[in-house]
N, C-alpha and C. Protein backbone atom coordinates (compact mmCIF):
# COMPACT_ATOMS: atom_id res chain seq x y z
N UNK A 1 0.82 -1.19 0.00
CA UNK A 1 0.00 0.00 0.00
C UNK A 1 0.87 1.25 0.00
N UNK A 2 1.81 1.31 0.92
CA UNK A 2 2.67 2.48 1.01
C UNK A 2 3.48 2.65 -0.28
N UNK A 3 3.98 1.54 -0.80
CA UNK A 3 4.79 1.62 -2.02
C UNK A 3 3.96 1.95 -3.25
N UNK A 4 2.72 1.51 -3.29
CA UNK A 4 1.85 1.83 -4.43
C UNK A 4 1.62 3.34 -4.51
N UNK A 5 1.29 3.95 -3.38
CA UNK A 5 1.05 5.39 -3.36
C UNK A 5 2.36 6.14 -3.62
N UNK A 6 3.47 5.61 -3.09
CA UNK A 6 4.79 6.23 -3.36
C UNK A 6 5.11 6.17 -4.85
N UNK A 7 4.73 5.07 -5.49
CA UNK A 7 4.97 4.96 -6.94
C UNK A 7 4.16 6.00 -7.70
N UNK A 8 2.92 6.27 -7.29
CA UNK A 8 2.09 7.30 -7.90
C UNK A 8 2.78 8.66 -7.77
N UNK A 9 3.24 8.97 -6.57
CA UNK A 9 3.92 10.24 -6.35
C UNK A 9 5.17 10.33 -7.22
N UNK A 10 5.93 9.27 -7.27
CA UNK A 10 7.14 9.26 -8.07
C UNK A 10 6.83 9.42 -9.55
N UNK A 11 5.76 8.78 -10.01
CA UNK A 11 5.37 8.95 -11.42
C UNK A 11 5.12 10.42 -11.73
N UNK A 12 4.33 11.09 -10.90
CA UNK A 12 3.99 12.50 -11.14
C UNK A 12 5.27 13.33 -11.22
N UNK A 13 6.16 13.12 -10.27
CA UNK A 13 7.41 13.88 -10.25
C UNK A 13 8.26 13.58 -11.49
N UNK A 14 8.37 12.33 -11.83
CA UNK A 14 9.23 11.92 -12.95
C UNK A 14 8.67 12.34 -14.31
N UNK A 15 7.36 12.23 -14.49
CA UNK A 15 6.81 12.58 -15.80
C UNK A 15 6.97 14.08 -16.06
N UNK A 16 6.85 14.88 -15.01
CA UNK A 16 7.10 16.31 -15.18
C UNK A 16 8.56 16.57 -15.50
N UNK A 17 9.45 15.87 -14.80
CA UNK A 17 10.88 16.01 -15.07
C UNK A 17 11.24 15.59 -16.49
N UNK A 18 10.65 14.49 -16.95
CA UNK A 18 10.89 14.03 -18.33
C UNK A 18 10.40 15.06 -19.34
N UNK A 19 9.23 15.60 -19.09
CA UNK A 19 8.70 16.62 -20.00
C UNK A 19 9.62 17.84 -20.05
N UNK A 20 10.10 18.26 -18.89
CA UNK A 20 11.01 19.40 -18.85
C UNK A 20 12.32 19.11 -19.57
N UNK A 21 12.82 17.88 -19.43
CA UNK A 21 14.04 17.51 -20.15
C UNK A 21 13.84 17.60 -21.65
N UNK A 22 12.70 17.11 -22.12
CA UNK A 22 12.41 17.13 -23.55
C UNK A 22 12.24 18.57 -24.05
N UNK A 23 11.57 19.37 -23.25
CA UNK A 23 11.43 20.79 -23.61
C UNK A 23 12.82 21.43 -23.69
N UNK A 24 13.67 21.16 -22.71
CA UNK A 24 15.02 21.71 -22.72
C UNK A 24 15.82 21.27 -23.93
N UNK A 25 15.70 19.99 -24.28
CA UNK A 25 16.39 19.48 -25.47
C UNK A 25 15.90 20.20 -26.72
N UNK A 26 14.61 20.45 -26.81
CA UNK A 26 14.05 21.11 -27.98
C UNK A 26 14.40 22.59 -28.03
N UNK A 27 14.46 23.22 -26.88
CA UNK A 27 14.85 24.64 -26.84
C UNK A 27 16.28 24.78 -27.35
N UNK A 28 17.15 23.89 -26.94
CA UNK A 28 18.55 23.94 -27.37
C UNK A 28 18.68 23.56 -28.83
N UNK A 29 18.01 22.47 -29.23
CA UNK A 29 18.12 21.98 -30.61
C UNK A 29 17.50 22.95 -31.60
N UNK A 30 16.47 23.65 -31.19
CA UNK A 30 15.78 24.56 -32.11
C UNK A 30 16.56 25.85 -32.31
N UNK A 31 17.66 25.99 -31.59
CA UNK A 31 18.45 27.21 -31.73
C UNK A 31 17.70 28.42 -31.21
N UNK A 32 17.01 28.24 -30.10
CA UNK A 32 16.28 29.35 -29.50
C UNK A 32 17.25 30.47 -29.15
N UNK A 33 16.77 31.69 -29.16
CA UNK A 33 17.65 32.79 -28.80
C UNK A 33 18.11 32.63 -27.34
N UNK A 34 19.18 33.28 -27.01
CA UNK A 34 19.76 33.18 -25.67
C UNK A 34 18.73 33.49 -24.59
N UNK A 35 17.93 34.54 -24.79
CA UNK A 35 16.94 34.89 -23.77
C UNK A 35 15.91 33.77 -23.59
N UNK A 36 15.58 33.06 -24.67
CA UNK A 36 14.64 31.94 -24.57
C UNK A 36 15.22 30.79 -23.76
N UNK A 37 16.49 30.50 -23.99
CA UNK A 37 17.15 29.44 -23.22
C UNK A 37 17.27 29.84 -21.76
N UNK A 38 17.55 31.12 -21.51
CA UNK A 38 17.64 31.60 -20.13
C UNK A 38 16.29 31.53 -19.42
N UNK A 39 15.23 31.86 -20.14
CA UNK A 39 13.88 31.75 -19.56
C UNK A 39 13.56 30.29 -19.20
N UNK A 40 13.96 29.38 -20.08
CA UNK A 40 13.74 27.97 -19.80
C UNK A 40 14.47 27.56 -18.51
N UNK A 41 15.72 27.98 -18.38
CA UNK A 41 16.51 27.61 -17.20
C UNK A 41 15.85 28.15 -15.93
N UNK A 42 15.39 29.40 -15.98
CA UNK A 42 14.73 29.99 -14.80
C UNK A 42 13.43 29.26 -14.47
N UNK A 43 12.64 29.00 -15.48
CA UNK A 43 11.35 28.32 -15.27
C UNK A 43 11.59 26.89 -14.78
N UNK A 44 12.59 26.24 -15.31
CA UNK A 44 12.93 24.88 -14.90
C UNK A 44 13.26 24.85 -13.41
N UNK A 45 14.03 25.84 -12.95
CA UNK A 45 14.38 25.90 -11.53
C UNK A 45 13.14 26.06 -10.66
N UNK A 46 12.19 26.88 -11.10
CA UNK A 46 10.95 27.07 -10.35
C UNK A 46 10.16 25.77 -10.27
N UNK A 47 10.03 25.10 -11.39
CA UNK A 47 9.26 23.85 -11.43
C UNK A 47 9.96 22.77 -10.62
N UNK A 48 11.29 22.67 -10.74
CA UNK A 48 12.03 21.68 -9.94
C UNK A 48 11.82 21.92 -8.45
N UNK A 49 11.77 23.19 -8.03
CA UNK A 49 11.52 23.50 -6.62
C UNK A 49 10.12 23.06 -6.20
N UNK A 50 9.14 23.25 -7.08
CA UNK A 50 7.77 22.81 -6.79
C UNK A 50 7.70 21.29 -6.69
N UNK A 51 8.42 20.60 -7.54
CA UNK A 51 8.43 19.14 -7.50
C UNK A 51 9.05 18.66 -6.19
N UNK A 52 10.09 19.31 -5.72
CA UNK A 52 10.72 18.92 -4.45
C UNK A 52 9.77 19.13 -3.27
N UNK A 53 8.90 20.12 -3.33
CA UNK A 53 7.95 20.40 -2.26
C UNK A 53 6.74 19.46 -2.30
N UNK A 54 6.54 18.78 -3.41
CA UNK A 54 5.39 17.90 -3.61
C UNK A 54 5.58 16.64 -2.76
N UNK A 55 4.75 16.47 -1.72
CA UNK A 55 4.96 15.32 -0.86
C UNK A 55 3.69 14.55 -0.51
N UNK A 56 2.56 15.01 -0.93
CA UNK A 56 1.30 14.30 -0.68
C UNK A 56 0.53 14.27 -1.99
N UNK A 57 0.48 13.10 -2.64
CA UNK A 57 -0.11 13.04 -3.98
C UNK A 57 -1.63 12.95 -4.00
N UNK A 58 -2.28 13.81 -3.21
CA UNK A 58 -3.75 13.91 -3.28
C UNK A 58 -4.13 14.59 -4.59
N UNK A 59 -5.39 14.45 -4.96
CA UNK A 59 -5.85 14.93 -6.27
C UNK A 59 -5.56 16.40 -6.51
N UNK A 60 -5.83 17.26 -5.53
CA UNK A 60 -5.63 18.69 -5.75
C UNK A 60 -4.15 19.05 -5.85
N UNK A 61 -3.30 18.36 -5.08
CA UNK A 61 -1.87 18.62 -5.16
C UNK A 61 -1.30 18.21 -6.52
N UNK A 62 -1.78 17.07 -7.03
CA UNK A 62 -1.34 16.60 -8.35
C UNK A 62 -1.79 17.59 -9.42
N UNK A 63 -3.07 17.96 -9.38
CA UNK A 63 -3.58 18.92 -10.36
C UNK A 63 -2.82 20.24 -10.30
N UNK A 64 -2.61 20.75 -9.10
CA UNK A 64 -1.94 22.04 -8.95
C UNK A 64 -0.51 21.99 -9.48
N UNK A 65 0.20 20.90 -9.22
CA UNK A 65 1.57 20.78 -9.70
C UNK A 65 1.62 20.76 -11.23
N UNK A 66 0.73 19.97 -11.85
CA UNK A 66 0.69 19.94 -13.32
C UNK A 66 0.27 21.30 -13.89
N UNK A 67 -0.77 21.89 -13.32
CA UNK A 67 -1.27 23.17 -13.83
C UNK A 67 -0.22 24.27 -13.72
N UNK A 68 0.37 24.40 -12.54
CA UNK A 68 1.34 25.47 -12.32
C UNK A 68 2.63 25.25 -13.09
N UNK A 69 2.94 24.00 -13.38
CA UNK A 69 4.19 23.70 -14.10
C UNK A 69 4.03 23.88 -15.60
N UNK A 70 3.04 23.17 -16.18
CA UNK A 70 2.93 23.17 -17.64
C UNK A 70 1.50 23.34 -18.14
N UNK A 71 0.62 23.90 -17.31
CA UNK A 71 -0.72 24.24 -17.76
C UNK A 71 -1.63 23.06 -18.06
N UNK A 72 -1.40 21.93 -17.41
CA UNK A 72 -2.18 20.72 -17.67
C UNK A 72 -3.04 20.37 -16.46
N UNK A 73 -4.34 20.13 -16.71
CA UNK A 73 -5.25 19.68 -15.66
C UNK A 73 -5.63 18.22 -15.94
N UNK A 74 -5.15 17.29 -15.11
CA UNK A 74 -5.45 15.87 -15.36
C UNK A 74 -6.87 15.46 -14.99
N UNK A 75 -7.55 16.22 -14.15
CA UNK A 75 -8.85 15.79 -13.63
C UNK A 75 -9.87 15.39 -14.69
N UNK A 76 -10.03 16.15 -15.77
CA UNK A 76 -11.06 15.76 -16.74
C UNK A 76 -10.82 14.38 -17.37
N UNK A 77 -9.64 13.84 -17.21
CA UNK A 77 -9.28 12.57 -17.84
C UNK A 77 -9.38 11.39 -16.88
N UNK A 78 -9.83 11.64 -15.66
CA UNK A 78 -9.83 10.60 -14.63
C UNK A 78 -11.16 9.90 -14.45
N UNK A 79 -12.16 10.19 -15.25
CA UNK A 79 -13.40 9.42 -15.17
C UNK A 79 -13.08 7.97 -15.50
N UNK A 80 -13.80 7.04 -14.88
CA UNK A 80 -13.45 5.62 -15.04
C UNK A 80 -14.71 4.82 -15.30
N UNK A 81 -14.93 4.51 -16.57
CA UNK A 81 -16.09 3.71 -16.95
C UNK A 81 -15.56 2.44 -17.59
N UNK A 82 -15.72 1.33 -16.89
CA UNK A 82 -15.27 0.03 -17.39
C UNK A 82 -16.04 -1.05 -16.65
N UNK A 83 -16.67 -1.94 -17.40
CA UNK A 83 -17.45 -3.01 -16.76
C UNK A 83 -18.55 -2.42 -15.90
N UNK A 84 -18.58 -2.81 -14.64
CA UNK A 84 -19.60 -2.29 -13.72
C UNK A 84 -19.18 -0.97 -13.09
N UNK A 85 -17.96 -0.56 -13.34
CA UNK A 85 -17.48 0.69 -12.75
C UNK A 85 -17.92 1.86 -13.62
N UNK A 86 -18.58 2.81 -13.01
CA UNK A 86 -19.04 4.00 -13.71
C UNK A 86 -18.74 5.20 -12.81
N UNK A 87 -17.46 5.55 -12.74
CA UNK A 87 -17.01 6.61 -11.86
C UNK A 87 -16.78 7.90 -12.63
N UNK A 88 -17.26 8.98 -12.05
CA UNK A 88 -16.92 10.30 -12.57
C UNK A 88 -15.49 10.62 -12.16
N UNK A 89 -14.97 11.68 -12.71
CA UNK A 89 -13.65 12.14 -12.30
C UNK A 89 -13.64 12.43 -10.80
N UNK A 90 -14.71 13.00 -10.30
CA UNK A 90 -14.79 13.32 -8.87
C UNK A 90 -14.74 12.06 -8.02
N UNK A 91 -15.42 11.02 -8.44
CA UNK A 91 -15.40 9.75 -7.69
C UNK A 91 -13.99 9.17 -7.69
N UNK A 92 -13.33 9.20 -8.83
CA UNK A 92 -11.96 8.70 -8.92
C UNK A 92 -11.03 9.52 -8.04
N UNK A 93 -11.22 10.83 -8.04
CA UNK A 93 -10.38 11.69 -7.20
C UNK A 93 -10.61 11.42 -5.72
N UNK A 94 -11.86 11.18 -5.35
CA UNK A 94 -12.16 10.87 -3.95
C UNK A 94 -11.47 9.57 -3.53
N UNK A 95 -11.54 8.56 -4.39
CA UNK A 95 -10.90 7.28 -4.06
C UNK A 95 -9.38 7.45 -4.01
N UNK A 96 -8.82 8.27 -4.88
CA UNK A 96 -7.39 8.55 -4.83
C UNK A 96 -7.02 9.11 -3.47
N UNK A 97 -7.77 10.09 -3.01
CA UNK A 97 -7.50 10.69 -1.71
C UNK A 97 -7.69 9.69 -0.58
N UNK A 98 -8.69 8.81 -0.72
CA UNK A 98 -8.88 7.77 0.30
C UNK A 98 -7.64 6.88 0.39
N UNK A 99 -7.11 6.47 -0.77
CA UNK A 99 -5.92 5.62 -0.75
C UNK A 99 -4.73 6.36 -0.16
N UNK A 100 -4.58 7.64 -0.48
CA UNK A 100 -3.48 8.42 0.10
C UNK A 100 -3.65 8.51 1.61
N UNK A 101 -4.88 8.66 2.07
CA UNK A 101 -5.14 8.71 3.52
C UNK A 101 -4.85 7.37 4.20
N UNK A 102 -5.14 6.27 3.52
CA UNK A 102 -4.81 4.95 4.07
C UNK A 102 -3.28 4.82 4.18
N UNK A 103 -2.58 5.24 3.14
CA UNK A 103 -1.12 5.21 3.18
C UNK A 103 -0.60 6.03 4.35
N UNK A 104 -1.19 7.20 4.54
CA UNK A 104 -0.80 8.09 5.63
C UNK A 104 -1.02 7.40 6.98
N UNK A 105 -2.15 6.73 7.12
CA UNK A 105 -2.46 6.03 8.38
C UNK A 105 -1.44 4.93 8.65
N UNK A 106 -1.10 4.18 7.62
CA UNK A 106 -0.12 3.10 7.78
C UNK A 106 1.25 3.68 8.12
N UNK A 107 1.68 4.66 7.37
CA UNK A 107 3.02 5.22 7.54
C UNK A 107 3.21 5.90 8.89
N UNK A 108 2.14 6.46 9.43
CA UNK A 108 2.26 7.22 10.67
C UNK A 108 1.58 6.58 11.86
N UNK A 109 1.07 5.36 11.68
CA UNK A 109 0.47 4.62 12.79
C UNK A 109 -0.87 5.14 13.25
N UNK A 110 -1.61 5.79 12.35
CA UNK A 110 -2.94 6.29 12.70
C UNK A 110 -3.99 5.23 12.39
N UNK A 111 -5.19 5.45 12.87
CA UNK A 111 -6.30 4.56 12.53
C UNK A 111 -6.66 4.74 11.07
N UNK A 112 -7.16 3.66 10.47
CA UNK A 112 -7.60 3.73 9.07
C UNK A 112 -8.79 4.66 8.95
N UNK A 113 -8.91 5.32 7.80
CA UNK A 113 -10.11 6.13 7.57
C UNK A 113 -11.34 5.24 7.61
N UNK A 114 -12.42 5.77 8.09
CA UNK A 114 -13.67 5.01 8.22
C UNK A 114 -14.44 5.10 6.91
N UNK A 115 -14.02 4.29 5.95
CA UNK A 115 -14.62 4.28 4.61
C UNK A 115 -15.31 2.95 4.37
N UNK A 116 -16.46 2.99 3.71
CA UNK A 116 -17.23 1.77 3.45
C UNK A 116 -16.39 0.70 2.75
N UNK A 117 -15.61 1.08 1.76
CA UNK A 117 -14.88 0.09 0.98
C UNK A 117 -13.78 -0.61 1.79
N UNK A 118 -13.43 -0.07 2.96
CA UNK A 118 -12.42 -0.68 3.82
C UNK A 118 -13.03 -1.62 4.87
N UNK A 119 -14.35 -1.65 4.95
CA UNK A 119 -15.03 -2.50 5.95
C UNK A 119 -15.47 -3.80 5.31
N UNK A 120 -15.23 -4.90 6.00
CA UNK A 120 -15.67 -6.20 5.51
C UNK A 120 -17.13 -6.45 5.85
N UNK A 121 -17.66 -7.55 5.32
CA UNK A 121 -19.05 -7.91 5.61
C UNK A 121 -19.24 -8.31 7.06
N UNK A 122 -18.23 -8.95 7.64
CA UNK A 122 -18.36 -9.47 9.00
C UNK A 122 -17.60 -8.66 10.02
N UNK A 123 -16.52 -8.07 9.60
CA UNK A 123 -15.73 -7.23 10.49
C UNK A 123 -15.92 -5.80 10.02
N UNK A 124 -16.67 -5.04 10.77
CA UNK A 124 -17.01 -3.69 10.33
C UNK A 124 -15.91 -2.66 10.57
N UNK A 125 -14.83 -3.06 11.22
CA UNK A 125 -13.71 -2.15 11.42
C UNK A 125 -12.95 -2.01 10.10
N UNK A 126 -12.53 -0.81 9.74
CA UNK A 126 -11.75 -0.65 8.50
C UNK A 126 -10.46 -1.46 8.58
N UNK A 127 -10.16 -2.17 7.50
CA UNK A 127 -8.95 -3.00 7.44
C UNK A 127 -8.60 -3.26 5.98
N UNK A 128 -7.40 -3.75 5.76
CA UNK A 128 -6.95 -4.07 4.41
C UNK A 128 -7.02 -5.57 4.18
N UNK A 129 -7.33 -5.93 2.95
CA UNK A 129 -7.30 -7.31 2.51
C UNK A 129 -6.44 -7.37 1.26
N UNK A 130 -6.11 -8.57 0.83
CA UNK A 130 -5.35 -8.73 -0.40
C UNK A 130 -6.12 -8.13 -1.57
N UNK A 131 -7.43 -8.34 -1.61
CA UNK A 131 -8.23 -7.79 -2.71
C UNK A 131 -8.19 -6.26 -2.71
N UNK A 132 -8.22 -5.63 -1.54
CA UNK A 132 -8.13 -4.17 -1.48
C UNK A 132 -6.77 -3.69 -1.98
N UNK A 133 -5.71 -4.40 -1.65
CA UNK A 133 -4.39 -4.03 -2.17
C UNK A 133 -4.35 -4.14 -3.69
N UNK A 134 -4.97 -5.18 -4.22
CA UNK A 134 -5.05 -5.32 -5.68
C UNK A 134 -5.87 -4.19 -6.29
N UNK A 135 -6.97 -3.81 -5.63
CA UNK A 135 -7.79 -2.69 -6.11
C UNK A 135 -7.00 -1.38 -6.09
N UNK A 136 -6.21 -1.19 -5.04
CA UNK A 136 -5.39 0.02 -4.93
C UNK A 136 -4.39 0.07 -6.07
N UNK A 137 -3.72 -1.03 -6.33
CA UNK A 137 -2.75 -1.08 -7.43
C UNK A 137 -3.44 -0.80 -8.76
N UNK A 138 -4.59 -1.40 -8.98
CA UNK A 138 -5.34 -1.18 -10.23
C UNK A 138 -5.72 0.29 -10.37
N UNK A 139 -6.13 0.90 -9.26
CA UNK A 139 -6.53 2.30 -9.25
C UNK A 139 -5.39 3.20 -9.74
N UNK A 140 -4.21 3.01 -9.18
CA UNK A 140 -3.12 3.90 -9.54
C UNK A 140 -2.54 3.59 -10.91
N UNK A 141 -2.60 2.34 -11.34
CA UNK A 141 -2.21 2.03 -12.71
C UNK A 141 -3.14 2.75 -13.68
N UNK A 142 -4.43 2.75 -13.37
CA UNK A 142 -5.40 3.46 -14.20
C UNK A 142 -5.06 4.95 -14.26
N UNK A 143 -4.79 5.56 -13.11
CA UNK A 143 -4.46 6.99 -13.07
C UNK A 143 -3.21 7.29 -13.90
N UNK A 144 -2.20 6.46 -13.79
CA UNK A 144 -0.98 6.67 -14.56
C UNK A 144 -1.28 6.58 -16.06
N UNK A 145 -2.02 5.54 -16.46
CA UNK A 145 -2.34 5.38 -17.89
C UNK A 145 -3.10 6.59 -18.43
N UNK A 146 -4.13 7.02 -17.72
CA UNK A 146 -4.95 8.15 -18.19
C UNK A 146 -4.16 9.46 -18.16
N UNK A 147 -3.41 9.67 -17.10
CA UNK A 147 -2.63 10.90 -16.98
C UNK A 147 -1.55 10.95 -18.05
N UNK A 148 -0.87 9.83 -18.26
CA UNK A 148 0.21 9.78 -19.24
C UNK A 148 -0.29 10.12 -20.64
N UNK A 149 -1.39 9.48 -21.02
CA UNK A 149 -1.94 9.71 -22.37
C UNK A 149 -2.40 11.16 -22.53
N UNK A 150 -3.12 11.67 -21.55
CA UNK A 150 -3.64 13.03 -21.66
C UNK A 150 -2.53 14.08 -21.56
N UNK A 151 -1.55 13.85 -20.71
CA UNK A 151 -0.43 14.79 -20.58
C UNK A 151 0.39 14.81 -21.87
N UNK A 152 0.62 13.64 -22.45
CA UNK A 152 1.34 13.58 -23.72
C UNK A 152 0.61 14.36 -24.80
N UNK A 153 -0.72 14.17 -24.89
CA UNK A 153 -1.52 14.89 -25.88
C UNK A 153 -1.48 16.40 -25.62
N UNK A 154 -1.51 16.78 -24.35
CA UNK A 154 -1.43 18.20 -23.98
C UNK A 154 -0.10 18.80 -24.46
N UNK A 155 0.98 18.09 -24.24
CA UNK A 155 2.29 18.61 -24.66
C UNK A 155 2.39 18.72 -26.17
N UNK A 156 1.82 17.76 -26.88
CA UNK A 156 1.81 17.86 -28.35
C UNK A 156 1.03 19.09 -28.78
N UNK A 157 -0.14 19.28 -28.19
CA UNK A 157 -0.99 20.42 -28.56
C UNK A 157 -0.34 21.75 -28.19
N UNK A 158 0.31 21.81 -27.05
CA UNK A 158 0.89 23.07 -26.58
C UNK A 158 2.28 23.35 -27.15
N UNK A 159 3.07 22.30 -27.35
CA UNK A 159 4.46 22.50 -27.75
C UNK A 159 4.75 22.09 -29.19
N UNK A 160 3.87 21.28 -29.75
CA UNK A 160 4.04 20.90 -31.15
C UNK A 160 4.96 19.71 -31.37
N UNK A 161 5.34 19.00 -30.32
CA UNK A 161 6.15 17.80 -30.53
C UNK A 161 5.76 16.75 -29.51
N UNK A 162 5.96 15.50 -29.91
CA UNK A 162 5.60 14.38 -29.04
C UNK A 162 6.66 14.21 -27.96
N UNK A 163 6.24 14.17 -26.71
CA UNK A 163 7.22 14.09 -25.63
C UNK A 163 7.82 12.70 -25.47
N UNK A 164 7.06 11.66 -25.76
CA UNK A 164 7.56 10.29 -25.63
C UNK A 164 6.77 9.41 -26.56
N UNK A 165 7.37 8.27 -26.95
CA UNK A 165 6.67 7.37 -27.90
C UNK A 165 5.46 6.71 -27.28
């Protein structure tokens, strides 16, 4: 559980760093004027500082980091309709925050959040099961897939080049 949420946080930090690296490569390769390269360096330092401060990957923190860094809002892409699941972006964001709160409880020795999905049929106290861990992993894999695709499309639309294959 702790590592799954840590992987989500690491993904957000790394994908922004990768995008900045590609932007930097293109600024240099395109022969941008000196002032353009200097602006990139200054902006890169600001974004790198924001990434270092990013320590709780709740939905609003993720959105704010993407928006403030490169003008991308991932929320509209987080709706989840598959099989019996029919979640709006808001529902997906709520579950993301629930998982981050569970991670927080585990990491700091707090009680689990009192959420219906954490309670069993017979044991009404919130607890984790193997199936819940699998659900958590599936949740964050979904977020990475949707965020990656939408962020890549955003960069193509805004910058005019594909950031990654």
